[in-house]
C-alpha cells in the first residue's frame, strides 16, 4: 500500500531477475473506467 518504486516496480524486477522459475503475469481486468482512463495503471517500463 505504497507508491515507492523501490518497494513496488523495482521489487517486481528484483523478483524476475533473482528467480528464473518465476514468470510475471498480466493482471485480471477490472471495470470502473472514469474519464476515459482505467482506474489502474499498468505502470513503468515494458519489462514490468
ModelCIF file with pLDDT and N, C-alpha, C, O atoms, coordinates in Angstrom:
data_MODEL
#
_entry.id   MODEL 
#
_entity.id                         1 
_entity.type                       polymer 
_entity.pdbx_number_of_molecules   1 
#
_entity_poly.entity_id                      1 
_entity_poly.type                           'polypeptide(L)' 
_entity_poly.nstd_linkage                   no 
_entity_poly.nstd_monomer                   no 
_entity_poly.pdbx_seq_one_letter_code       
;(UNK)(UNK)(UNK)(UNK)(UNK)(UNK)(UNK)(UNK)(UNK)(UNK)(UNK)(UNK)(UNK)(UNK)(UNK)(UNK)
(UNK)(UNK)(UNK)(UNK)(UNK)(UNK)(UNK)(UNK)(UNK)(UNK)(UNK)(UNK)(UNK)(UNK)(UNK)(UNK)
(UNK)(UNK)(UNK)(UNK)(UNK)(UNK)(UNK)(UNK)(UNK)(UNK)(UNK)(UNK)(UNK)(UNK)(UNK)(UNK)
;
_entity_poly.pdbx_seq_one_letter_code_can   XXXXXXXXXXXXXXXXXXXXXXXXXXXXXXXXXXXXXXXXXXXXXXXX 
_entity_poly.pdbx_strand_id                 A 
#
loop_
_entity_poly_seq.entity_id 
_entity_poly_seq.num 
_entity_poly_seq.mon_id 
_entity_poly_seq.hetero 
1 1  UNK n 
1 2  UNK n 
1 3  UNK n 
1 4  UNK n 
1 5  UNK n 
1 6  UNK n 
1 7  UNK n 
1 8  UNK n 
1 9  UNK n 
1 10 UNK n 
1 11 UNK n 
1 12 UNK n 
1 13 UNK n 
1 14 UNK n 
1 15 UNK n 
1 16 UNK n 
1 17 UNK n 
1 18 UNK n 
1 19 UNK n 
1 20 UNK n 
1 21 UNK n 
1 22 UNK n 
1 23 UNK n 
1 24 UNK n 
1 25 UNK n 
1 26 UNK n 
1 27 UNK n 
1 28 UNK n 
1 29 UNK n 
1 30 UNK n 
1 31 UNK n 
1 32 UNK n 
1 33 UNK n 
1 34 UNK n 
1 35 UNK n 
1 36 UNK n 
1 37 UNK n 
1 38 UNK n 
1 39 UNK n 
1 40 UNK n 
1 41 UNK n 
1 42 UNK n 
1 43 UNK n 
1 44 UNK n 
1 45 UNK n 
1 46 UNK n 
1 47 UNK n 
1 48 UNK n 
#
_struct_asym.id          A 
_struct_asym.entity_id   1 
#
loop_
_ma_qa_metric.id 
_ma_qa_metric.mode 
_ma_qa_metric.name 
_ma_qa_metric.software_group_id 
_ma_qa_metric.type 
1 global pLDDT . pLDDT 
2 local  pLDDT . pLDDT 
#
_ma_qa_metric_global.metric_id      1 
_ma_qa_metric_global.metric_value   74.02 
_ma_qa_metric_global.model_id       1 
_ma_qa_metric_global.ordinal_id     1 
#
loop_
_ma_qa_metric_local.label_asym_id 
_ma_qa_metric_local.label_comp_id 
_ma_qa_metric_local.label_seq_id 
_ma_qa_metric_local.metric_id 
_ma_qa_metric_local.metric_value 
_ma_qa_metric_local.model_id 
_ma_qa_metric_local.ordinal_id 
A UNK 1  2 97.00 1 1  
A UNK 2  2 97.00 1 2  
A UNK 3  2 96.00 1 3  
A UNK 4  2 96.00 1 4  
A UNK 5  2 95.00 1 5  
A UNK 6  2 97.00 1 6  
A UNK 7  2 97.00 1 7  
A UNK 8  2 95.00 1 8  
A UNK 9  2 92.00 1 9  
A UNK 10 2 95.00 1 10 
A UNK 11 2 96.00 1 11 
A UNK 12 2 93.00 1 12 
A UNK 13 2 93.00 1 13 
A UNK 14 2 96.00 1 14 
A UNK 15 2 96.00 1 15 
A UNK 16 2 92.00 1 16 
A UNK 17 2 94.00 1 17 
A UNK 18 2 96.00 1 18 
A UNK 19 2 96.00 1 19 
A UNK 20 2 93.00 1 20 
A UNK 21 2 93.00 1 21 
A UNK 22 2 95.00 1 22 
A UNK 23 2 93.00 1 23 
A UNK 24 2 91.00 1 24 
A UNK 25 2 88.00 1 25 
A UNK 26 2 79.00 1 26 
A UNK 27 2 72.00 1 27 
A UNK 28 2 67.00 1 28 
A UNK 29 2 59.00 1 29 
A UNK 30 2 58.00 1 30 
A UNK 31 2 53.00 1 31 
A UNK 32 2 49.00 1 32 
A UNK 33 2 40.00 1 33 
A UNK 34 2 43.00 1 34 
A UNK 35 2 40.00 1 35 
A UNK 36 2 39.00 1 36 
A UNK 37 2 48.00 1 37 
A UNK 38 2 54.00 1 38 
A UNK 39 2 56.00 1 39 
A UNK 40 2 57.00 1 40 
A UNK 41 2 59.00 1 41 
A UNK 42 2 54.00 1 42 
A UNK 43 2 49.00 1 43 
A UNK 44 2 42.00 1 44 
A UNK 45 2 42.00 1 45 
A UNK 46 2 43.00 1 46 
A UNK 47 2 43.00 1 47 
A UNK 48 2 45.00 1 48 
#
loop_
_atom_site.group_PDB 
_atom_site.id 
_atom_site.type_symbol 
_atom_site.label_atom_id 
_atom_site.label_alt_id 
_atom_site.label_comp_id 
_atom_site.label_asym_id 
_atom_site.label_entity_id 
_atom_site.label_seq_id 
_atom_site.pdbx_PDB_ins_code 
_atom_site.Cartn_x 
_atom_site.Cartn_y 
_atom_site.Cartn_z 
_atom_site.occupancy 
_atom_site.B_iso_or_equiv 
_atom_site.pdbx_formal_charge 
_atom_site.auth_seq_id 
_atom_site.auth_comp_id 
_atom_site.auth_asym_id 
_atom_site.auth_atom_id 
_atom_site.pdbx_PDB_model_num 
ATOM 1   N N  . UNK A 1 1  ? 0.862   -1.185  0.000   1.00 97.00 ? 1  UNK A N  1 
ATOM 2   C CA . UNK A 1 1  ? 0.000   0.000   0.000   1.00 97.00 ? 1  UNK A CA 1 
ATOM 3   C C  . UNK A 1 1  ? 0.901   1.239   0.000   1.00 97.00 ? 1  UNK A C  1 
ATOM 4   O O  . UNK A 1 1  ? 0.737   2.152   0.809   1.00 97.00 ? 1  UNK A O  1 
ATOM 5   N N  . UNK A 1 2  ? 1.855   1.237   -0.932  1.00 97.00 ? 2  UNK A N  1 
ATOM 6   C CA . UNK A 1 2  ? 2.777   2.370   -1.042  1.00 97.00 ? 2  UNK A CA 1 
ATOM 7   C C  . UNK A 1 2  ? 2.997   2.716   -2.504  1.00 97.00 ? 2  UNK A C  1 
ATOM 8   O O  . UNK A 1 2  ? 2.664   1.927   -3.388  1.00 97.00 ? 2  UNK A O  1 
ATOM 9   N N  . UNK A 1 3  ? 3.559   3.897   -2.763  1.00 96.00 ? 3  UNK A N  1 
ATOM 10  C CA . UNK A 1 3  ? 3.846   4.339   -4.122  1.00 96.00 ? 3  UNK A CA 1 
ATOM 11  C C  . UNK A 1 3  ? 5.340   4.268   -4.448  1.00 96.00 ? 3  UNK A C  1 
ATOM 12  O O  . UNK A 1 3  ? 5.731   4.520   -5.588  1.00 96.00 ? 3  UNK A O  1 
ATOM 13  N N  . UNK A 1 4  ? 6.167   3.934   -3.479  1.00 96.00 ? 4  UNK A N  1 
ATOM 14  C CA . UNK A 1 4  ? 7.618   3.978   -3.662  1.00 96.00 ? 4  UNK A CA 1 
ATOM 15  C C  . UNK A 1 4  ? 8.068   2.948   -4.693  1.00 96.00 ? 4  UNK A C  1 
ATOM 16  O O  . UNK A 1 4  ? 7.874   1.753   -4.468  1.00 96.00 ? 4  UNK A O  1 
ATOM 17  N N  . UNK A 1 5  ? 8.659   3.358   -5.814  1.00 95.00 ? 5  UNK A N  1 
ATOM 18  C CA . UNK A 1 5  ? 9.138   2.392   -6.816  1.00 95.00 ? 5  UNK A CA 1 
ATOM 19  C C  . UNK A 1 5  ? 10.097  1.357   -6.231  1.00 95.00 ? 5  UNK A C  1 
ATOM 20  O O  . UNK A 1 5  ? 10.132  0.211   -6.679  1.00 95.00 ? 5  UNK A O  1 
ATOM 21  N N  . UNK A 1 6  ? 10.877  1.766   -5.226  1.00 97.00 ? 6  UNK A N  1 
ATOM 22  C CA . UNK A 1 6  ? 11.828  0.844   -4.607  1.00 97.00 ? 6  UNK A CA 1 
ATOM 23  C C  . UNK A 1 6  ? 11.117  -0.340  -3.952  1.00 97.00 ? 6  UNK A C  1 
ATOM 24  O O  . UNK A 1 6  ? 11.675  -1.434  -3.858  1.00 97.00 ? 6  UNK A O  1 
ATOM 25  N N  . UNK A 1 7  ? 9.884   -0.113  -3.504  1.00 97.00 ? 7  UNK A N  1 
ATOM 26  C CA . UNK A 1 7  ? 9.093   -1.172  -2.873  1.00 97.00 ? 7  UNK A CA 1 
ATOM 27  C C  . UNK A 1 7  ? 8.113   -1.811  -3.853  1.00 97.00 ? 7  UNK A C  1 
ATOM 28  O O  . UNK A 1 7  ? 7.487   -2.823  -3.538  1.00 97.00 ? 7  UNK A O  1 
ATOM 29  N N  . UNK A 1 8  ? 7.982   -1.226  -5.035  1.00 95.00 ? 8  UNK A N  1 
ATOM 30  C CA . UNK A 1 8  ? 6.973   -1.691  -5.988  1.00 95.00 ? 8  UNK A CA 1 
ATOM 31  C C  . UNK A 1 8  ? 7.623   -2.258  -7.256  1.00 95.00 ? 8  UNK A C  1 
ATOM 32  O O  . UNK A 1 8  ? 8.007   -3.427  -7.279  1.00 95.00 ? 8  UNK A O  1 
ATOM 33  N N  . UNK A 1 9  ? 7.749   -1.440  -8.311  1.00 92.00 ? 9  UNK A N  1 
ATOM 34  C CA . UNK A 1 9  ? 8.277   -1.936  -9.586  1.00 92.00 ? 9  UNK A CA 1 
ATOM 35  C C  . UNK A 1 9  ? 9.691   -2.497  -9.462  1.00 92.00 ? 9  UNK A C  1 
ATOM 36  O O  . UNK A 1 9  ? 10.016  -3.519  -10.066 1.00 92.00 ? 9  UNK A O  1 
ATOM 37  N N  . UNK A 1 10 ? 10.521  -1.826  -8.682  1.00 95.00 ? 10 UNK A N  1 
ATOM 38  C CA . UNK A 1 10 ? 11.891  -2.322  -8.528  1.00 95.00 ? 10 UNK A CA 1 
ATOM 39  C C  . UNK A 1 10 ? 11.915  -3.650  -7.783  1.00 95.00 ? 10 UNK A C  1 
ATOM 40  O O  . UNK A 1 10 ? 12.795  -4.479  -8.017  1.00 95.00 ? 10 UNK A O  1 
ATOM 41  N N  . UNK A 1 11 ? 10.956  -3.855  -6.889  1.00 96.00 ? 11 UNK A N  1 
ATOM 42  C CA . UNK A 1 11 ? 10.866  -5.140  -6.192  1.00 96.00 ? 11 UNK A CA 1 
ATOM 43  C C  . UNK A 1 11 ? 10.386  -6.229  -7.156  1.00 96.00 ? 11 UNK A C  1 
ATOM 44  O O  . UNK A 1 11 ? 10.875  -7.357  -7.110  1.00 96.00 ? 11 UNK A O  1 
ATOM 45  N N  . UNK A 1 12 ? 9.434   -5.895  -8.026  1.00 93.00 ? 12 UNK A N  1 
ATOM 46  C CA . UNK A 1 12 ? 8.971   -6.862  -9.028  1.00 93.00 ? 12 UNK A CA 1 
ATOM 47  C C  . UNK A 1 12 ? 10.108  -7.239  -9.967  1.00 93.00 ? 12 UNK A C  1 
ATOM 48  O O  . UNK A 1 12 ? 10.264  -8.404  -10.332 1.00 93.00 ? 12 UNK A O  1 
ATOM 49  N N  . UNK A 1 13 ? 10.898  -6.245  -10.354 1.00 93.00 ? 13 UNK A N  1 
ATOM 50  C CA . UNK A 1 13 ? 12.036  -6.512  -11.236 1.00 93.00 ? 13 UNK A CA 1 
ATOM 51  C C  . UNK A 1 13 ? 13.079  -7.367  -10.517 1.00 93.00 ? 13 UNK A C  1 
ATOM 52  O O  . UNK A 1 13 ? 13.681  -8.250  -11.129 1.00 93.00 ? 13 UNK A O  1 
ATOM 53  N N  . UNK A 1 14 ? 13.297  -7.115  -9.234  1.00 96.00 ? 14 UNK A N  1 
ATOM 54  C CA . UNK A 1 14 ? 14.225  -7.929  -8.448  1.00 96.00 ? 14 UNK A CA 1 
ATOM 55  C C  . UNK A 1 14 ? 13.768  -9.390  -8.404  1.00 96.00 ? 14 UNK A C  1 
ATOM 56  O O  . UNK A 1 14 ? 14.593  -10.297 -8.508  1.00 96.00 ? 14 UNK A O  1 
ATOM 57  N N  . UNK A 1 15 ? 12.470  -9.622  -8.252  1.00 96.00 ? 15 UNK A N  1 
ATOM 58  C CA . UNK A 1 15 ? 11.932  -10.987 -8.249  1.00 96.00 ? 15 UNK A CA 1 
ATOM 59  C C  . UNK A 1 15 ? 12.238  -11.672 -9.580  1.00 96.00 ? 15 UNK A C  1 
ATOM 60  O O  . UNK A 1 15 ? 12.680  -12.821 -9.605  1.00 96.00 ? 15 UNK A O  1 
ATOM 61  N N  . UNK A 1 16 ? 12.002  -10.965 -10.683 1.00 92.00 ? 16 UNK A N  1 
ATOM 62  C CA . UNK A 1 16 ? 12.217  -11.544 -12.010 1.00 92.00 ? 16 UNK A CA 1 
ATOM 63  C C  . UNK A 1 16 ? 13.698  -11.855 -12.257 1.00 92.00 ? 16 UNK A C  1 
ATOM 64  O O  . UNK A 1 16 ? 14.037  -12.882 -12.844 1.00 92.00 ? 16 UNK A O  1 
ATOM 65  N N  . UNK A 1 17 ? 14.560  -10.965 -11.805 1.00 94.00 ? 17 UNK A N  1 
ATOM 66  C CA . UNK A 1 17 ? 15.998  -11.168 -12.012 1.00 94.00 ? 17 UNK A CA 1 
ATOM 67  C C  . UNK A 1 17 ? 16.557  -12.272 -11.115 1.00 94.00 ? 17 UNK A C  1 
ATOM 68  O O  . UNK A 1 17 ? 17.495  -12.974 -11.493 1.00 94.00 ? 17 UNK A O  1 
ATOM 69  N N  . UNK A 1 18 ? 15.976  -12.418 -9.931  1.00 96.00 ? 18 UNK A N  1 
ATOM 70  C CA . UNK A 1 18 ? 16.514  -13.354 -8.940  1.00 96.00 ? 18 UNK A CA 1 
ATOM 71  C C  . UNK A 1 18 ? 16.014  -14.777 -9.140  1.00 96.00 ? 18 UNK A C  1 
ATOM 72  O O  . UNK A 1 18 ? 16.741  -15.736 -8.883  1.00 96.00 ? 18 UNK A O  1 
ATOM 73  N N  . UNK A 1 19 ? 14.768  -14.916 -9.601  1.00 96.00 ? 19 UNK A N  1 
ATOM 74  C CA . UNK A 1 19 ? 14.132  -16.241 -9.686  1.00 96.00 ? 19 UNK A CA 1 
ATOM 75  C C  . UNK A 1 19 ? 13.729  -16.536 -11.126 1.00 96.00 ? 19 UNK A C  1 
ATOM 76  O O  . UNK A 1 19 ? 12.701  -16.068 -11.614 1.00 96.00 ? 19 UNK A O  1 
ATOM 77  N N  . UNK A 1 20 ? 14.559  -17.318 -11.782 1.00 93.00 ? 20 UNK A N  1 
ATOM 78  C CA . UNK A 1 20 ? 14.313  -17.627 -13.193 1.00 93.00 ? 20 UNK A CA 1 
ATOM 79  C C  . UNK A 1 20 ? 13.092  -18.513 -13.393 1.00 93.00 ? 20 UNK A C  1 
ATOM 80  O O  . UNK A 1 20 ? 12.547  -18.579 -14.494 1.00 93.00 ? 20 UNK A O  1 
ATOM 81  N N  . UNK A 1 21 ? 12.655  -19.197 -12.329 1.00 93.00 ? 21 UNK A N  1 
ATOM 82  C CA . UNK A 1 21 ? 11.495  -20.079 -12.446 1.00 93.00 ? 21 UNK A CA 1 
ATOM 83  C C  . UNK A 1 21 ? 10.171  -19.328 -12.293 1.00 93.00 ? 21 UNK A C  1 
ATOM 84  O O  . UNK A 1 21 ? 9.103   -19.928 -12.412 1.00 93.00 ? 21 UNK A O  1 
ATOM 85  N N  . UNK A 1 22 ? 10.235  -18.012 -12.027 1.00 95.00 ? 22 UNK A N  1 
ATOM 86  C CA . UNK A 1 22 ? 9.012   -17.224 -11.866 1.00 95.00 ? 22 UNK A CA 1 
ATOM 87  C C  . UNK A 1 22 ? 8.753   -16.383 -13.106 1.00 95.00 ? 22 UNK A C  1 
ATOM 88  O O  . UNK A 1 22 ? 9.657   -15.754 -13.657 1.00 95.00 ? 22 UNK A O  1 
ATOM 89  N N  . UNK A 1 23 ? 7.509   -16.390 -13.523 1.00 93.00 ? 23 UNK A N  1 
ATOM 90  C CA . UNK A 1 23 ? 7.073   -15.605 -14.679 1.00 93.00 ? 23 UNK A CA 1 
ATOM 91  C C  . UNK A 1 23 ? 6.065   -14.562 -14.219 1.00 93.00 ? 23 UNK A C  1 
ATOM 92  O O  . UNK A 1 23 ? 5.135   -14.890 -13.482 1.00 93.00 ? 23 UNK A O  1 
ATOM 93  N N  . UNK A 1 24 ? 6.233   -13.316 -14.640 1.00 91.00 ? 24 UNK A N  1 
ATOM 94  C CA . UNK A 1 24 ? 5.275   -12.275 -14.273 1.00 91.00 ? 24 UNK A CA 1 
ATOM 95  C C  . UNK A 1 24 ? 4.039   -12.414 -15.160 1.00 91.00 ? 24 UNK A C  1 
ATOM 96  O O  . UNK A 1 24 ? 4.154   -12.676 -16.357 1.00 91.00 ? 24 UNK A O  1 
ATOM 97  N N  . UNK A 1 25 ? 2.854   -12.235 -14.568 1.00 88.00 ? 25 UNK A N  1 
ATOM 98  C CA . UNK A 1 25 ? 1.595   -12.471 -15.263 1.00 88.00 ? 25 UNK A CA 1 
ATOM 99  C C  . UNK A 1 25 ? 0.800   -11.175 -15.421 1.00 88.00 ? 25 UNK A C  1 
ATOM 100 O O  . UNK A 1 25 ? 0.985   -10.237 -14.646 1.00 88.00 ? 25 UNK A O  1 
ATOM 101 N N  . UNK A 1 26 ? -0.078  -11.119 -16.417 1.00 79.00 ? 26 UNK A N  1 
ATOM 102 C CA . UNK A 1 26 ? -0.948  -9.944  -16.567 1.00 79.00 ? 26 UNK A CA 1 
ATOM 103 C C  . UNK A 1 26 ? -1.988  -9.892  -15.462 1.00 79.00 ? 26 UNK A C  1 
ATOM 104 O O  . UNK A 1 26 ? -2.355  -10.919 -14.891 1.00 79.00 ? 26 UNK A O  1 
ATOM 105 N N  . UNK A 1 27 ? -2.459  -8.688  -15.166 1.00 72.00 ? 27 UNK A N  1 
ATOM 106 C CA . UNK A 1 27 ? -3.467  -8.506  -14.132 1.00 72.00 ? 27 UNK A CA 1 
ATOM 107 C C  . UNK A 1 27 ? -4.842  -8.895  -14.664 1.00 72.00 ? 27 UNK A C  1 
ATOM 108 O O  . UNK A 1 27 ? -5.103  -8.807  -15.864 1.00 72.00 ? 27 UNK A O  1 
ATOM 109 N N  . UNK A 1 28 ? -5.717  -9.326  -13.757 1.00 67.00 ? 28 UNK A N  1 
ATOM 110 C CA . UNK A 1 28 ? -7.106  -9.528  -14.135 1.00 67.00 ? 28 UNK A CA 1 
ATOM 111 C C  . UNK A 1 28 ? -7.716  -8.179  -14.492 1.00 67.00 ? 28 UNK A C  1 
ATOM 112 O O  . UNK A 1 28 ? -7.485  -7.192  -13.794 1.00 67.00 ? 28 UNK A O  1 
ATOM 113 N N  . UNK A 1 29 ? -8.489  -8.127  -15.565 1.00 59.00 ? 29 UNK A N  1 
ATOM 114 C CA . UNK A 1 29 ? -9.104  -6.867  -15.978 1.00 59.00 ? 29 UNK A CA 1 
ATOM 115 C C  . UNK A 1 29 ? -10.176 -6.457  -14.977 1.00 59.00 ? 29 UNK A C  1 
ATOM 116 O O  . UNK A 1 29 ? -10.851 -7.298  -14.383 1.00 59.00 ? 29 UNK A O  1 
ATOM 117 N N  . UNK A 1 30 ? -10.315 -5.149  -14.804 1.00 58.00 ? 30 UNK A N  1 
ATOM 118 C CA . UNK A 1 30 ? -11.328 -4.630  -13.884 1.00 58.00 ? 30 UNK A CA 1 
ATOM 119 C C  . UNK A 1 30 ? -12.136 -3.563  -14.591 1.00 58.00 ? 30 UNK A C  1 
ATOM 120 O O  . UNK A 1 30 ? -11.703 -2.987  -15.589 1.00 58.00 ? 30 UNK A O  1 
ATOM 121 N N  . UNK A 1 31 ? -13.324 -3.310  -14.053 1.00 53.00 ? 31 UNK A N  1 
ATOM 122 C CA . UNK A 1 31 ? -14.163 -2.235  -14.580 1.00 53.00 ? 31 UNK A CA 1 
ATOM 123 C C  . UNK A 1 31 ? -13.870 -0.939  -13.867 1.00 53.00 ? 31 UNK A C  1 
ATOM 124 O O  . UNK A 1 31 ? -12.811 -0.781  -13.261 1.00 53.00 ? 31 UNK A O  1 
ATOM 125 N N  . UNK A 1 32 ? -14.799 -0.017  -13.935 1.00 49.00 ? 32 UNK A N  1 
ATOM 126 C CA . UNK A 1 32 ? -14.669 1.243   -13.213 1.00 49.00 ? 32 UNK A CA 1 
ATOM 127 C C  . UNK A 1 32 ? -13.941 2.317   -13.974 1.00 49.00 ? 32 UNK A C  1 
ATOM 128 O O  . UNK A 1 32 ? -13.303 3.172   -13.359 1.00 49.00 ? 32 UNK A O  1 
ATOM 129 N N  . UNK A 1 33 ? -14.012 2.309   -15.310 1.00 40.00 ? 33 UNK A N  1 
ATOM 130 C CA . UNK A 1 33 ? -13.309 3.322   -16.099 1.00 40.00 ? 33 UNK A CA 1 
ATOM 131 C C  . UNK A 1 33 ? -13.962 4.691   -15.895 1.00 40.00 ? 33 UNK A C  1 
ATOM 132 O O  . UNK A 1 33 ? -15.182 4.833   -15.990 1.00 40.00 ? 33 UNK A O  1 
ATOM 133 N N  . UNK A 1 34 ? -13.147 5.671   -15.620 1.00 43.00 ? 34 UNK A N  1 
ATOM 134 C CA . UNK A 1 34 ? -13.612 7.045   -15.423 1.00 43.00 ? 34 UNK A CA 1 
ATOM 135 C C  . UNK A 1 34 ? -12.740 7.985   -16.258 1.00 43.00 ? 34 UNK A C  1 
ATOM 136 O O  . UNK A 1 34 ? -11.525 7.803   -16.343 1.00 43.00 ? 34 UNK A O  1 
ATOM 137 N N  . UNK A 1 35 ? -13.363 8.980   -16.868 1.00 40.00 ? 35 UNK A N  1 
ATOM 138 C CA . UNK A 1 35 ? -12.638 9.986   -17.657 1.00 40.00 ? 35 UNK A CA 1 
ATOM 139 C C  . UNK A 1 35 ? -11.796 9.355   -18.768 1.00 40.00 ? 35 UNK A C  1 
ATOM 140 O O  . UNK A 1 35 ? -10.749 9.883   -19.143 1.00 40.00 ? 35 UNK A O  1 
ATOM 141 N N  . UNK A 1 36 ? -12.268 8.215   -19.290 1.00 39.00 ? 36 UNK A N  1 
ATOM 142 C CA . UNK A 1 36 ? -11.546 7.566   -20.373 1.00 39.00 ? 36 UNK A CA 1 
ATOM 143 C C  . UNK A 1 36 ? -10.286 6.845   -19.935 1.00 39.00 ? 36 UNK A C  1 
ATOM 144 O O  . UNK A 1 36 ? -9.546  6.339   -20.779 1.00 39.00 ? 36 UNK A O  1 
ATOM 145 N N  . UNK A 1 37 ? -10.021 6.783   -18.628 1.00 48.00 ? 37 UNK A N  1 
ATOM 146 C CA . UNK A 1 37 ? -8.808  6.130   -18.130 1.00 48.00 ? 37 UNK A CA 1 
ATOM 147 C C  . UNK A 1 37 ? -9.195  4.984   -17.208 1.00 48.00 ? 37 UNK A C  1 
ATOM 148 O O  . UNK A 1 37 ? -10.134 5.095   -16.420 1.00 48.00 ? 37 UNK A O  1 
ATOM 149 N N  . UNK A 1 38 ? -8.463  3.886   -17.315 1.00 54.00 ? 38 UNK A N  1 
ATOM 150 C CA . UNK A 1 38 ? -8.683  2.821   -16.350 1.00 54.00 ? 38 UNK A CA 1 
ATOM 151 C C  . UNK A 1 38 ? -8.265  3.315   -14.964 1.00 54.00 ? 38 UNK A C  1 
ATOM 152 O O  . UNK A 1 38 ? -7.310  4.085   -14.851 1.00 54.00 ? 38 UNK A O  1 
ATOM 153 N N  . UNK A 1 39 ? -8.968  2.883   -13.903 1.00 56.00 ? 39 UNK A N  1 
ATOM 154 C CA . UNK A 1 39 ? -8.580  3.317   -12.547 1.00 56.00 ? 39 UNK A CA 1 
ATOM 155 C C  . UNK A 1 39 ? -7.244  2.736   -12.104 1.00 56.00 ? 39 UNK A C  1 
ATOM 156 O O  . UNK A 1 39 ? -6.651  3.209   -11.134 1.00 56.00 ? 39 UNK A O  1 
ATOM 157 N N  . UNK A 1 40 ? -6.766  1.707   -12.813 1.00 57.00 ? 40 UNK A N  1 
ATOM 158 C CA . UNK A 1 40 ? -5.442  1.160   -12.522 1.00 57.00 ? 40 UNK A CA 1 
ATOM 159 C C  . UNK A 1 40 ? -4.510  1.578   -13.645 1.00 57.00 ? 40 UNK A C  1 
ATOM 160 O O  . UNK A 1 40 ? -4.935  1.712   -14.793 1.00 57.00 ? 40 UNK A O  1 
ATOM 161 N N  . UNK A 1 41 ? -3.279  1.776   -13.330 1.00 59.00 ? 41 UNK A N  1 
ATOM 162 C CA . UNK A 1 41 ? -2.296  1.996   -14.394 1.00 59.00 ? 41 UNK A CA 1 
ATOM 163 C C  . UNK A 1 41 ? -1.344  0.817   -14.430 1.00 59.00 ? 41 UNK A C  1 
ATOM 164 O O  . UNK A 1 41 ? -0.815  0.400   -13.399 1.00 59.00 ? 41 UNK A O  1 
ATOM 165 N N  . UNK A 1 42 ? -1.127  0.281   -15.631 1.00 54.00 ? 42 UNK A N  1 
ATOM 166 C CA . UNK A 1 42 ? -0.095  -0.734  -15.816 1.00 54.00 ? 42 UNK A CA 1 
ATOM 167 C C  . UNK A 1 42 ? 1.200   0.045   -15.996 1.00 54.00 ? 42 UNK A C  1 
ATOM 168 O O  . UNK A 1 42 ? 1.443   0.652   -17.039 1.00 54.00 ? 42 UNK A O  1 
ATOM 169 N N  . UNK A 1 43 ? 2.020   0.011   -14.956 1.00 49.00 ? 43 UNK A N  1 
ATOM 170 C CA . UNK A 1 43 ? 2.977   1.102   -14.752 1.00 49.00 ? 43 UNK A CA 1 
ATOM 171 C C  . UNK A 1 43 ? 4.407   0.743   -15.124 1.00 49.00 ? 43 UNK A C  1 
ATOM 172 O O  . UNK A 1 43 ? 4.852   -0.390  -14.941 1.00 49.00 ? 43 UNK A O  1 
ATOM 173 N N  . UNK A 1 44 ? 5.107   1.725   -15.644 1.00 42.00 ? 44 UNK A N  1 
ATOM 174 C CA . UNK A 1 44 ? 6.572   1.866   -15.639 1.00 42.00 ? 44 UNK A CA 1 
ATOM 175 C C  . UNK A 1 44 ? 7.340   0.777   -16.365 1.00 42.00 ? 44 UNK A C  1 
ATOM 176 O O  . UNK A 1 44 ? 7.679   -0.248  -15.773 1.00 42.00 ? 44 UNK A O  1 
ATOM 177 N N  . UNK A 1 45 ? 7.611   0.989   -17.623 1.00 42.00 ? 45 UNK A N  1 
ATOM 178 C CA . UNK A 1 45 ? 8.586   0.170   -18.336 1.00 42.00 ? 45 UNK A CA 1 
ATOM 179 C C  . UNK A 1 45 ? 8.015   -1.113  -18.893 1.00 42.00 ? 45 UNK A C  1 
ATOM 180 O O  . UNK A 1 45 ? 7.233   -1.786  -18.221 1.00 42.00 ? 45 UNK A O  1 
ATOM 181 N N  . UNK A 1 46 ? 8.389   -1.463  -20.103 1.00 43.00 ? 46 UNK A N  1 
ATOM 182 C CA . UNK A 1 46 ? 7.776   -2.626  -20.731 1.00 43.00 ? 46 UNK A CA 1 
ATOM 183 C C  . UNK A 1 46 ? 8.168   -3.930  -20.050 1.00 43.00 ? 46 UNK A C  1 
ATOM 184 O O  . UNK A 1 46 ? 7.421   -4.904  -20.139 1.00 43.00 ? 46 UNK A O  1 
ATOM 185 N N  . UNK A 1 47 ? 9.304   -3.984  -19.377 1.00 43.00 ? 47 UNK A N  1 
ATOM 186 C CA . UNK A 1 47 ? 9.698   -5.220  -18.707 1.00 43.00 ? 47 UNK A CA 1 
ATOM 187 C C  . UNK A 1 47 ? 8.738   -5.590  -17.586 1.00 43.00 ? 47 UNK A C  1 
ATOM 188 O O  . UNK A 1 47 ? 8.557   -6.772  -17.290 1.00 43.00 ? 47 UNK A O  1 
ATOM 189 N N  . UNK A 1 48 ? 8.124   -4.599  -16.962 1.00 45.00 ? 48 UNK A N  1 
ATOM 190 C CA . UNK A 1 48 ? 7.203   -4.869  -15.854 1.00 45.00 ? 48 UNK A CA 1 
ATOM 191 C C  . UNK A 1 48 ? 5.858   -4.219  -16.119 1.00 45.00 ? 48 UNK A C  1 
ATOM 192 O O  . UNK A 1 48 ? 4.945   -4.332  -15.300 1.00 45.00 ? 48 UNK A O  1 
#
